[in-house]
Protein backbone atom coordinates (compact mmCIF):
# COMPACT_ATOMS: atom_id res chain seq x y z
CA MET A 1 -21.33 27.55 22.86
CA ASN A 2 -19.97 25.15 20.26
CA ASN A 3 -21.33 21.65 21.17
CA THR A 4 -20.04 19.38 18.45
CA PHE A 5 -17.84 17.47 20.50
CA THR A 6 -20.75 16.80 22.90
CA ASP A 7 -23.00 16.10 20.02
CA GLN A 8 -20.54 13.39 18.94
CA THR A 9 -20.39 11.80 22.31
CA GLU A 10 -24.48 11.91 22.40
CA LYS A 11 -24.71 10.23 19.09
CA LYS A 12 -22.27 7.69 20.06
CA ILE A 13 -20.87 7.31 16.47
CA ASN A 14 -19.02 4.01 16.16
CA PRO A 15 -15.25 5.17 15.78
CA TRP A 16 -14.95 2.49 13.09
CA ILE A 17 -17.46 4.28 11.02
CA VAL A 18 -15.64 7.59 11.50
CA MET A 19 -12.58 5.82 10.38
CA ILE A 20 -13.99 5.24 6.94
CA PRO A 21 -13.79 8.87 5.48
CA VAL A 22 -10.42 9.33 7.42
CA MET A 23 -8.58 6.41 6.00
CA LEU A 24 -10.04 7.17 2.52
CA SER A 25 -8.38 10.64 2.85
CA VAL A 26 -5.14 8.96 4.05
CA PHE A 27 -5.29 6.53 1.15
CA MET A 28 -5.65 9.09 -1.41
CA PHE A 29 -2.82 11.03 -0.09
CA ALA A 30 -0.37 8.09 0.28
CA LEU A 31 -1.34 6.79 -2.96
CA ASP A 32 -0.29 9.70 -4.92
CA GLU A 33 3.24 9.25 -3.44
CA THR A 34 4.01 6.54 -5.76
CA ILE A 35 1.12 6.48 -8.43
CA SER A 36 3.12 8.37 -10.75
CA ASN A 37 6.45 6.38 -10.66
CA VAL A 38 5.58 3.91 -13.50
CA ALA A 39 3.76 6.56 -15.61
CA LEU A 40 6.93 8.83 -15.55
CA PRO A 41 8.17 7.64 -19.14
CA TYR A 42 4.80 8.43 -20.63
CA MET A 43 4.41 11.84 -19.02
CA ALA A 44 7.89 12.73 -19.99
CA GLY A 45 6.92 11.90 -23.59
CA SER A 46 3.86 14.00 -23.20
CA PHE A 47 5.71 17.17 -21.99
CA SER A 48 8.81 16.51 -24.16
CA ILE A 49 11.17 16.37 -21.25
CA SER A 50 14.13 14.04 -19.93
CA HIS A 51 13.33 11.15 -17.50
CA ASN A 52 15.47 13.08 -14.99
CA GLU A 53 13.30 16.28 -15.21
CA SER A 54 10.20 14.01 -15.03
CA THR A 55 10.98 13.16 -11.43
CA TRP A 56 10.33 16.51 -10.19
CA ILE A 57 6.48 15.65 -10.68
CA ILE A 58 7.14 13.26 -7.58
CA THR A 59 9.28 15.42 -5.59
CA SER A 60 7.38 18.63 -6.05
CA TYR A 61 4.55 16.72 -4.14
CA LEU A 62 6.54 15.65 -1.46
CA VAL A 63 8.21 19.02 -0.83
CA SER A 64 4.85 20.95 -0.92
CA SER A 65 3.12 18.42 1.40
CA GLY A 66 6.27 18.64 3.68
CA VAL A 67 6.21 22.37 3.91
CA VAL A 68 2.45 22.21 5.08
CA ILE A 69 2.71 19.58 7.52
CA PRO A 70 4.53 21.61 10.18
CA ALA A 71 1.71 24.30 9.85
CA VAL A 72 -1.00 21.95 10.29
CA ASP A 73 -1.42 22.86 14.01
CA PHE A 74 -1.42 26.39 13.28
CA PHE A 75 -4.14 26.20 10.39
CA SER A 76 -6.28 23.73 12.66
CA LYS A 77 -6.32 26.47 15.44
CA LEU A 78 -7.13 29.17 13.16
CA LEU A 79 -9.72 27.32 11.12
CA GLY A 80 -10.83 24.66 13.46
CA ARG A 81 -9.43 21.26 12.77
CA LYS A 82 -12.37 19.79 11.08
CA THR A 83 -12.93 22.84 8.76
CA TYR A 84 -9.11 22.83 7.91
CA PHE A 85 -9.49 18.92 7.11
CA LEU A 86 -12.33 19.54 4.83
CA ILE A 87 -10.36 22.30 2.96
CA SER A 88 -7.28 20.23 2.66
CA VAL A 89 -9.53 17.42 0.93
CA THR A 90 -11.05 19.92 -1.34
CA ILE A 91 -7.76 21.48 -2.37
CA PHE A 92 -6.38 18.03 -3.05
CA THR A 93 -9.46 16.88 -5.12
CA ILE A 94 -9.38 20.01 -7.40
CA ALA A 95 -5.71 19.72 -7.80
CA SER A 96 -5.89 16.12 -8.89
CA VAL A 97 -8.41 17.26 -11.74
CA LEU A 98 -5.76 19.89 -12.65
CA CYS A 99 -2.97 17.35 -12.79
CA GLY A 100 -5.04 15.14 -15.27
CA LEU A 101 -5.63 18.18 -17.38
CA SER A 102 -2.10 19.45 -17.61
CA THR A 103 -0.66 20.05 -20.89
CA SER A 104 2.76 21.12 -20.01
CA MET A 105 5.47 20.58 -17.45
CA PRO A 106 5.22 23.85 -15.53
CA MET A 107 1.35 23.52 -15.45
CA ILE A 108 1.51 19.80 -13.84
CA LEU A 109 4.25 21.06 -11.38
CA LEU A 110 2.03 23.82 -10.08
CA ALA A 111 -0.71 21.26 -9.91
CA ARG A 112 1.29 18.79 -8.04
CA ILE A 113 2.53 21.47 -5.57
CA LEU A 114 -1.21 22.61 -5.04
CA GLN A 115 -2.19 18.79 -4.56
CA GLY A 116 0.81 18.62 -2.07
CA ILE A 117 -0.57 21.58 -0.10
CA GLY A 118 -3.88 20.10 0.18
CA GLY A 119 -2.51 16.67 0.96
CA GLY A 120 -0.05 17.84 3.62
CA GLY A 121 -2.71 18.27 6.26
CA ILE A 122 -4.48 15.06 5.57
CA MET A 123 -1.89 12.71 7.22
CA PRO A 124 -1.43 14.39 10.59
CA ILE A 125 -4.97 15.49 11.21
CA SER A 126 -6.08 11.77 10.49
CA GLN A 127 -3.55 10.37 12.87
CA ALA A 128 -4.52 12.89 15.72
CA ILE A 129 -8.27 12.12 15.07
CA ILE A 130 -7.80 8.31 15.28
CA PHE A 131 -5.78 8.72 18.57
CA GLU A 132 -8.72 10.69 20.09
CA ILE A 133 -11.82 8.64 19.00
CA PHE A 134 -10.79 5.25 20.08
CA PRO A 135 -10.18 4.34 23.79
CA LYS A 136 -6.95 3.25 24.80
CA GLU A 137 -7.48 -0.56 24.55
CA GLN A 138 -8.61 -0.27 21.04
CA ARG A 139 -5.85 2.27 19.72
CA ALA A 140 -3.35 -0.63 18.81
CA GLY A 141 -5.91 -2.09 16.30
CA ALA A 142 -6.96 1.43 14.91
CA MET A 143 -3.39 2.21 14.41
CA ALA A 144 -2.80 -1.08 12.74
CA VAL A 145 -5.58 0.02 10.16
CA PHE A 146 -4.24 3.29 9.79
CA GLY A 147 -0.68 1.94 9.26
CA LEU A 148 -1.90 -0.47 6.78
CA GLY A 149 -3.47 2.29 4.93
CA VAL A 150 -0.25 4.33 4.86
CA VAL A 151 1.95 1.58 3.73
CA MET A 152 -0.50 -0.22 1.24
CA ALA A 153 -1.24 2.77 -0.50
CA PRO A 154 2.28 3.46 -1.87
CA ILE A 155 2.62 -0.08 -2.59
CA MET A 156 -0.61 -0.45 -4.61
CA GLY A 157 0.29 2.93 -6.33
CA PRO A 158 2.80 1.66 -9.14
CA ALA A 159 0.28 -1.38 -9.96
CA LEU A 160 -2.58 1.02 -10.13
CA GLY A 161 -0.83 3.53 -11.87
CA GLY A 162 0.52 1.01 -14.33
CA TRP A 163 -2.79 -0.58 -14.98
CA LEU A 164 -4.58 3.13 -15.57
CA THR A 165 -1.90 4.28 -17.81
CA GLU A 166 -1.82 1.10 -20.20
CA THR A 167 -5.48 0.89 -20.11
CA TRP A 168 -6.46 4.48 -20.66
CA SER A 169 -3.82 6.97 -20.14
CA TRP A 170 -1.64 8.78 -17.53
CA PRO A 171 -4.27 11.50 -16.62
CA PHE A 172 -6.58 8.82 -15.11
CA ILE A 173 -3.89 8.19 -12.42
CA TYR A 174 -5.08 11.54 -11.01
CA PHE A 175 -8.74 11.77 -12.04
CA ILE A 176 -9.14 8.52 -9.89
CA ASN A 177 -9.09 10.67 -6.82
CA VAL A 178 -11.88 12.78 -7.75
CA PRO A 179 -14.96 10.54 -6.78
CA PHE A 180 -13.12 9.41 -3.61
CA GLY A 181 -12.25 12.93 -2.67
CA ILE A 182 -16.06 14.07 -2.97
CA ILE A 183 -17.22 10.90 -0.93
CA ALA A 184 -14.56 11.66 1.75
CA PHE A 185 -15.83 15.41 1.95
CA HIS A 186 -19.34 14.55 2.67
CA LEU A 187 -18.56 11.71 5.19
CA ILE A 188 -16.02 14.03 7.17
CA LYS A 189 -18.62 16.71 7.15
CA LYS A 190 -21.09 14.42 8.61
CA LEU A 191 -19.21 12.00 10.89
CA VAL A 192 -16.13 13.92 12.24
CA PHE A 193 -16.38 16.43 15.14
CA ASP A 194 -13.92 18.73 16.91
CA PRO A 195 -12.99 18.15 20.59
CA PRO A 196 -12.89 21.46 22.40
CA TYR A 197 -8.97 21.81 22.02
CA ALA A 198 -9.34 21.34 18.24
CA ARG A 199 -11.90 24.03 17.49
CA LYS A 200 -11.34 27.33 16.03
CA GLN A 201 -9.56 29.60 18.66
CA LYS A 202 -9.07 33.26 18.75
CA ASN A 203 -6.00 35.44 18.62
CA VAL A 204 -3.74 32.87 16.80
CA THR A 205 -0.65 33.94 15.37
CA MET A 206 1.48 32.82 12.40
CA ASP A 207 5.26 32.40 12.81
CA TYR A 208 5.85 33.86 9.33
CA SER A 209 9.73 33.76 9.95
CA GLY A 210 9.73 30.19 10.91
CA PHE A 211 7.40 29.25 7.97
CA PHE A 212 9.88 31.14 5.51
CA PHE A 213 13.04 29.46 6.58
CA LEU A 214 11.11 25.97 6.55
CA CYS A 215 10.17 26.65 2.82
CA VAL A 216 13.90 27.66 2.01
CA TRP A 217 15.33 24.51 3.83
CA LEU A 218 12.98 21.94 2.30
CA LEU A 219 12.87 23.45 -1.16
CA THR A 220 16.94 23.74 -1.51
CA LEU A 221 17.27 20.37 0.13
CA GLN A 222 15.10 18.84 -2.33
CA ILE A 223 16.94 20.38 -5.21
CA VAL A 224 20.16 19.12 -3.76
CA LEU A 225 18.67 15.49 -3.32
CA ASP A 226 17.22 15.64 -6.80
CA LYS A 227 20.22 16.95 -8.85
CA GLY A 228 23.03 15.89 -6.65
CA ASN A 229 23.89 12.76 -8.32
CA ASP A 230 23.72 14.18 -11.86
CA ALA A 231 26.02 17.05 -10.96
CA ASP A 232 28.50 14.68 -8.97
CA TRP A 233 27.29 15.97 -5.48
CA PHE A 234 29.80 18.28 -3.96
CA SER A 235 32.17 18.16 -6.60
CA ALA A 236 29.83 20.82 -8.15
CA ALA A 237 30.08 24.31 -6.75
CA TRP A 238 26.36 24.95 -7.01
CA ILE A 239 25.55 22.00 -5.20
CA CYS A 240 27.80 23.14 -2.22
CA LYS A 241 26.06 26.55 -2.21
CA THR A 242 22.61 25.21 -2.34
CA PHE A 243 23.43 22.65 0.45
CA ALA A 244 24.89 25.54 2.56
CA ILE A 245 21.87 27.72 2.14
CA SER A 246 19.59 24.57 2.96
CA MET A 247 21.67 23.90 6.24
CA MET A 248 21.70 27.57 7.32
CA ALA A 249 17.97 27.86 6.64
CA MET A 250 17.43 24.61 8.66
CA ILE A 251 19.44 25.97 11.63
CA ALA A 252 17.60 29.51 11.46
CA PHE A 253 14.24 27.52 11.32
CA PHE A 254 15.03 25.33 14.54
CA THR A 255 16.39 28.23 16.39
CA ILE A 256 13.47 30.26 15.77
CA GLN A 257 11.13 27.30 16.90
CA VAL A 258 13.06 26.89 20.18
CA LYS A 259 13.27 30.64 21.06
CA LYS A 260 9.76 32.01 19.93
CA LYS A 261 6.90 32.10 22.29
CA LYS A 262 4.54 30.87 19.72
CA PRO A 263 6.52 28.79 17.17
CA LEU A 264 5.28 27.07 14.03
CA ILE A 265 5.75 23.84 15.67
CA ASP A 266 6.34 22.94 19.48
CA LEU A 267 9.67 21.18 19.36
CA SER A 268 9.49 20.44 23.05
CA ILE A 269 7.68 17.38 22.14
CA LEU A 270 10.98 15.96 20.93
CA LYS A 271 11.99 15.87 24.78
CA ASP A 272 9.57 12.75 25.08
CA GLY A 273 12.13 9.90 24.63
CA ASN A 274 9.76 7.56 23.09
CA PHE A 275 8.55 10.12 20.50
CA PHE A 276 12.09 11.01 19.54
CA PHE A 277 13.61 7.61 19.02
CA GLY A 278 10.45 6.20 17.59
CA THR A 279 10.40 9.00 15.05
CA ILE A 280 13.91 8.22 14.01
CA VAL A 281 13.07 4.50 13.50
CA LEU A 282 9.98 5.65 11.44
CA MET A 283 12.27 8.03 9.39
CA VAL A 284 14.43 5.22 8.37
CA LEU A 285 11.53 2.88 7.84
CA MET A 286 9.90 5.55 5.52
CA GLY A 287 13.27 6.01 3.64
CA VAL A 288 13.30 2.37 2.95
CA MET A 289 9.64 1.91 2.02
CA MET A 290 9.68 4.68 -0.25
CA ALA A 291 13.02 3.98 -2.00
CA SER A 292 12.28 0.38 -2.55
CA ALA A 293 8.74 1.34 -3.94
CA ALA A 294 10.49 3.69 -6.55
CA ILE A 295 13.55 1.46 -7.58
CA LEU A 296 12.00 -1.94 -7.82
CA PRO A 297 9.76 -1.16 -10.73
CA SER A 298 12.33 0.90 -12.30
CA MET A 299 14.64 -1.97 -12.16
CA LEU A 300 12.12 -4.30 -13.81
CA GLN A 301 11.50 -1.99 -16.57
CA GLN A 302 14.75 -1.17 -17.38
CA LEU A 303 16.65 -4.53 -16.93
CA MET A 304 14.14 -6.90 -17.57
CA GLY A 305 11.64 -5.15 -20.15
CA TYR A 306 8.50 -5.31 -18.00
CA THR A 307 5.73 -3.21 -18.94
CA SER A 308 4.68 -0.40 -16.63
CA PHE A 309 1.75 -2.57 -15.44
CA LEU A 310 3.65 -5.58 -14.71
CA SER A 311 6.33 -3.68 -12.96
CA GLY A 312 3.70 -2.16 -10.73
CA LEU A 313 2.04 -5.60 -10.27
CA SER A 314 5.42 -6.80 -8.95
CA MET A 315 4.49 -4.77 -5.82
CA VAL A 316 1.19 -6.54 -5.05
CA PRO A 317 2.72 -9.53 -3.06
CA ARG A 318 4.07 -6.84 -0.80
CA GLY A 319 0.51 -5.83 0.02
CA GLY A 320 -0.19 -9.40 0.93
CA GLY A 321 2.53 -9.30 3.41
CA CYS A 322 1.17 -6.11 4.68
CA LEU A 323 -2.42 -7.56 5.28
CA LEU A 324 -0.91 -10.63 7.11
CA ALA A 325 1.23 -8.53 9.29
CA THR A 326 -1.83 -6.25 10.20
CA VAL A 327 -3.62 -9.43 11.47
CA ILE A 328 -0.61 -10.61 13.28
CA CYS A 329 -0.10 -7.29 15.09
CA GLY A 330 -3.93 -7.28 15.98
CA ILE A 331 -3.66 -10.81 17.59
CA LEU A 332 -0.16 -10.44 19.24
CA THR A 333 0.07 -6.87 20.48
CA PRO A 334 -2.41 -7.54 23.55
CA LYS A 335 -0.40 -10.61 24.31
CA ILE A 336 3.30 -9.52 23.92
CA GLY A 337 3.41 -6.04 23.52
CA THR A 338 4.57 -3.54 20.89
CA LYS A 339 8.36 -3.79 21.45
CA PRO A 340 8.84 -7.57 20.60
CA LEU A 341 6.61 -7.04 17.57
CA ILE A 342 8.62 -4.10 16.31
CA VAL A 343 11.87 -5.95 16.74
CA ALA A 344 10.61 -9.12 14.98
CA GLY A 345 9.34 -6.67 12.28
CA LEU A 346 12.89 -5.13 11.65
CA ILE A 347 14.34 -8.71 11.59
CA ILE A 348 11.88 -9.74 8.95
CA LEU A 349 12.28 -6.57 6.87
CA GLY A 350 16.06 -7.12 7.00
CA ILE A 351 15.62 -10.73 5.69
CA GLY A 352 13.45 -9.38 3.03
CA GLY A 353 16.23 -6.87 1.94
CA LEU A 354 18.80 -9.61 1.94
CA MET A 355 16.54 -11.85 -0.18
CA PHE A 356 16.22 -9.04 -2.62
CA GLY A 357 20.06 -9.02 -2.69
CA GLN A 358 20.20 -12.53 -4.26
CA ILE A 359 18.09 -11.61 -7.44
CA ASN A 360 19.29 -11.86 -10.92
CA THR A 361 18.07 -10.87 -14.32
CA ASN A 362 16.94 -14.52 -15.19
CA ILE A 363 14.12 -14.48 -12.63
CA ALA A 364 10.52 -14.43 -13.52
CA LEU A 365 7.87 -11.99 -11.89
CA VAL A 366 6.80 -14.93 -9.38
CA ASP A 367 10.47 -14.78 -8.08
CA ILE A 368 10.12 -11.43 -7.13
CA ALA A 369 6.88 -12.31 -5.02
CA MET A 370 8.43 -14.08 -1.87
CA PRO A 371 11.12 -11.21 -1.35
CA ASN A 372 8.20 -8.77 -1.56
CA PHE A 373 5.83 -10.56 0.64
CA VAL A 374 8.59 -10.82 3.34
CA PHE A 375 9.33 -7.17 2.87
CA GLY A 376 5.88 -6.25 3.44
CA LEU A 377 5.39 -8.47 6.41
CA GLY A 378 8.23 -6.83 8.25
CA MET A 379 7.56 -3.28 7.22
CA ILE A 380 3.89 -3.37 8.78
CA MET A 381 5.01 -5.43 11.85
CA ALA A 382 7.75 -2.68 12.52
CA MET A 383 5.99 0.39 11.45
CA VAL A 384 2.36 0.01 12.92
CA PRO A 385 3.31 -0.71 16.49
CA MET A 386 6.07 1.98 16.23
CA MET A 387 3.47 4.57 15.37
CA ASN A 388 1.52 3.64 18.33
CA LEU A 389 4.40 3.28 20.71
CA SER A 390 6.08 6.41 19.76
CA CYS A 391 3.05 8.57 20.69
CA SER A 392 1.61 6.40 23.64
CA THR A 393 3.20 8.68 26.15
CA LEU A 394 1.66 12.08 24.76
CA THR A 395 -1.58 13.57 25.75
CA ASN A 396 -4.50 13.95 23.50
CA ASP A 397 -3.86 17.64 22.86
CA GLN A 398 -0.38 16.93 21.92
CA GLN A 399 -1.33 14.73 19.26
CA THR A 400 -1.87 17.21 16.33
CA ASN A 401 1.35 18.85 17.03
CA ALA A 402 3.08 15.52 17.17
CA ALA A 403 1.52 14.12 14.17
CA GLY A 404 2.64 17.13 12.30
CA VAL A 405 6.45 17.02 13.63
CA GLN A 406 6.54 13.17 12.97
CA ASN A 407 5.11 13.28 9.59
CA LEU A 408 7.55 16.29 8.55
CA LEU A 409 10.43 14.20 9.51
CA LYS A 410 9.12 10.99 7.99
CA ASN A 411 8.59 12.88 4.54
CA THR A 412 12.07 14.04 4.94
CA GLY A 413 13.49 10.65 5.59
CA ALA A 414 11.43 9.40 2.52
CA ALA A 415 13.14 12.12 0.36
CA ILE A 416 16.42 11.36 1.45
CA GLY A 417 16.16 7.55 1.39
CA THR A 418 14.95 7.77 -2.27
CA SER A 419 17.79 10.06 -3.14
CA VAL A 420 20.45 7.88 -1.47
CA ALA A 421 19.13 4.83 -3.00
CA THR A 422 19.27 6.34 -6.47
CA THR A 423 22.77 7.62 -5.72
CA MET A 424 23.91 4.14 -4.38
CA ILE A 425 22.47 2.42 -7.56
CA ALA A 426 24.53 4.68 -9.79
CA ARG A 427 27.84 4.36 -7.78
CA PHE A 428 27.54 0.50 -7.20
CA SER A 429 26.96 0.09 -10.97
CA GLN A 430 30.01 2.15 -11.90
CA VAL A 431 32.16 0.19 -9.54
CA HIS A 432 31.16 -3.05 -10.70
CA GLN A 433 31.37 -1.99 -14.41
CA MET A 434 34.96 -0.89 -13.62
CA MET A 435 35.48 -4.42 -12.03
CA MET A 436 33.94 -6.44 -14.90
CA VAL A 437 35.27 -4.49 -17.86
CA GLY A 438 38.68 -5.82 -16.71
CA HIS A 439 37.69 -9.35 -17.79
CA LEU A 440 36.90 -8.16 -21.44
CA ASN A 441 40.40 -8.84 -22.95
CA PHE A 442 41.72 -11.08 -25.56
CA SER A 443 43.83 -12.86 -23.08
CA SER A 444 40.56 -14.33 -21.24
CA ASP A 445 39.63 -17.67 -22.75
CA THR A 446 36.06 -17.25 -21.62
CA TYR A 447 35.69 -13.85 -23.29
CA MET A 448 37.16 -15.08 -26.45
CA GLN A 449 34.97 -18.05 -26.81
CA LYS A 450 31.85 -15.90 -26.15
CA LEU A 451 33.17 -13.20 -28.51
CA ASN A 452 33.89 -15.86 -31.43
CA ALA A 453 30.46 -17.65 -30.72
CA LEU A 454 28.56 -14.48 -31.23
CA ALA A 455 30.47 -13.26 -34.06
CA SER A 456 29.96 -16.55 -35.92
CA THR A 457 26.37 -16.15 -35.48
CA PHE A 458 26.27 -12.49 -36.83
CA ALA A 459 28.54 -13.49 -39.52
CA ALA A 460 25.73 -15.31 -41.27
CA ASN A 461 24.26 -11.97 -42.48
CA THR A 462 27.39 -9.65 -42.73
CA ASP A 463 31.07 -9.71 -42.99
CA TRP A 464 33.34 -10.97 -40.09
CA ALA A 465 34.67 -7.32 -39.18
CA THR A 466 31.05 -6.11 -38.75
CA ALA A 467 30.07 -9.31 -36.81
CA LEU A 468 32.92 -9.05 -34.57
CA HIS A 469 32.06 -5.34 -33.78
CA MET A 470 28.43 -6.55 -33.21
CA ALA A 471 29.42 -9.28 -30.93
CA GLU A 472 31.81 -7.02 -28.87
CA ALA A 473 28.78 -4.40 -28.50
CA GLN A 474 26.42 -7.13 -27.36
CA ILE A 475 28.87 -8.58 -24.84
CA TYR A 476 29.45 -4.90 -23.59
CA ASN A 477 25.59 -4.25 -23.32
CA GLN A 478 25.39 -7.42 -21.19
CA LEU A 479 28.19 -6.18 -18.97
CA LEU A 480 26.22 -2.70 -18.36
CA GLN A 481 23.16 -4.81 -17.70
CA GLN A 482 24.87 -6.98 -15.11
CA SER A 483 26.76 -3.91 -13.46
CA SER A 484 23.39 -2.06 -13.26
CA LEU A 485 21.77 -5.27 -11.66
CA TRP A 486 24.74 -5.34 -9.08
CA GLY A 487 23.66 -1.71 -8.16
CA TYR A 488 20.25 -2.62 -7.35
CA VAL A 489 21.04 -5.70 -5.36
CA GLU A 490 23.61 -4.04 -3.15
CA THR A 491 21.17 -1.29 -2.64
CA PHE A 492 18.72 -3.69 -1.43
CA ARG A 493 21.26 -5.31 0.76
CA TYR A 494 21.91 -2.09 2.55
CA PHE A 495 18.04 -1.69 3.19
CA GLY A 496 18.31 -5.00 4.91
CA LEU A 497 21.37 -3.81 6.88
CA ALA A 498 19.52 -0.36 7.82
CA ALA A 499 16.70 -2.52 9.34
CA PHE A 500 19.13 -4.42 11.62
CA VAL A 501 21.09 -1.21 12.64
CA ILE A 502 18.06 0.63 13.98
CA ILE A 503 17.02 -2.24 16.26
CA PRO A 504 19.03 -0.87 19.26
CA LEU A 505 16.73 2.53 19.07
CA VAL A 506 13.78 0.26 19.58
CA LEU A 507 15.16 -1.42 22.77
CA ILE A 508 15.94 2.23 24.02
CA ILE A 509 12.16 3.05 24.11
CA ARG A 510 10.34 2.50 27.50
CA ARG A 511 7.04 0.90 27.81
CA LYS A 512 4.32 3.25 29.21
CA THR A 513 3.96 2.48 32.82
CA ALA A 514 0.86 4.59 33.50
């Protein structure tokens, strides 16, 4: 008989020691969600592709990991959870090497898909392990550390990616995973053990039809999200058809999961009110977090001329807010409980979004620091207690399946949030461009003064007609910059509004009474 769980108890391994390889794996997976963001222009140049096409480097990773996440419970039973954890880390590490060695777009897409397949099992298994190895009175602190890793890694991704890209070259944003993957593998093998219900089981069957419809659903949904804005969304027939296929596949997937005796994922877990409403809140938070992590460096590079490193560095103060929030959660959770912390975090997060809504093109890097700090503070104060509260009424043997369901929906929320934010920026920019262009006419004294002043400056080196044309072009470029800025500003304001809107969902969740 396998006595690994008994052996772990006899060895009395400190759970905080076990957390080291678990969190190292989590950090690698979460880091690679955003580390490519600031390097996309360099990668697009290397592969001779457009910037829009280069975004598939990010989304292919999210899609492949999203597909694997619901199957984590199946593979854990088929192979044993520890064995599957080791395989996931191994695949992720090898795929990281292949990403760095890629010389073409198809090659890196295949490598990123493989990396997502390996990474998809890391997050839910890690979450389940942490819930098991800590006693109830220590879970809040352990989940605070887990949440810090989940949030801090995507925040650090752009800064680390920018530094590695400028210091060496973009392949090193993937090569950096290799030593950490090797260390995590050996420590997991030595320190992590399976409880009886997580060991290899016999007669495990695969829900192939459910898995097929899951793949179709997520793949087509991601295509719609990635290409929808460029194709003017549902004005394009092919977007309508692809979306229809996605929705039909989604309905087929959930129908199969409900009716089948041995489904890919057990959706009955959604009957738990705490888990259901908590997961909705986490979906929104992941959408806000991932979207903001993607658009802020982009705004700084495109509108303010920041380098990839400086635009990534702008995210560091958010990490400071996350660290402070972790300390606050650890101190206040035993005293006031989780719900007040979550509500306070959402309020602070909303304020951070509104603070971003006040920025302009004249601000320095330091002026980004305070909104980012507040944003990070609120994000962790809301997300970490919510992860703990949403699973607090579940039993230990439900944790692996629950983590799989929750991470699938969180990944979907992140993808939708990023796509919606991109669309909002484009549409808001167009609206403000139309509003402002009406002021560029010869009946406006302000416009004429600005035009003549610029033309006079240019006329020192050319004729008046050319100088006037150059002045008009510069003013119009400034208009485009301002309209783009307004697109970003209004999007950040909606981030803040989203944080306030989901507060009632938190109030619905009941405290655990037993």
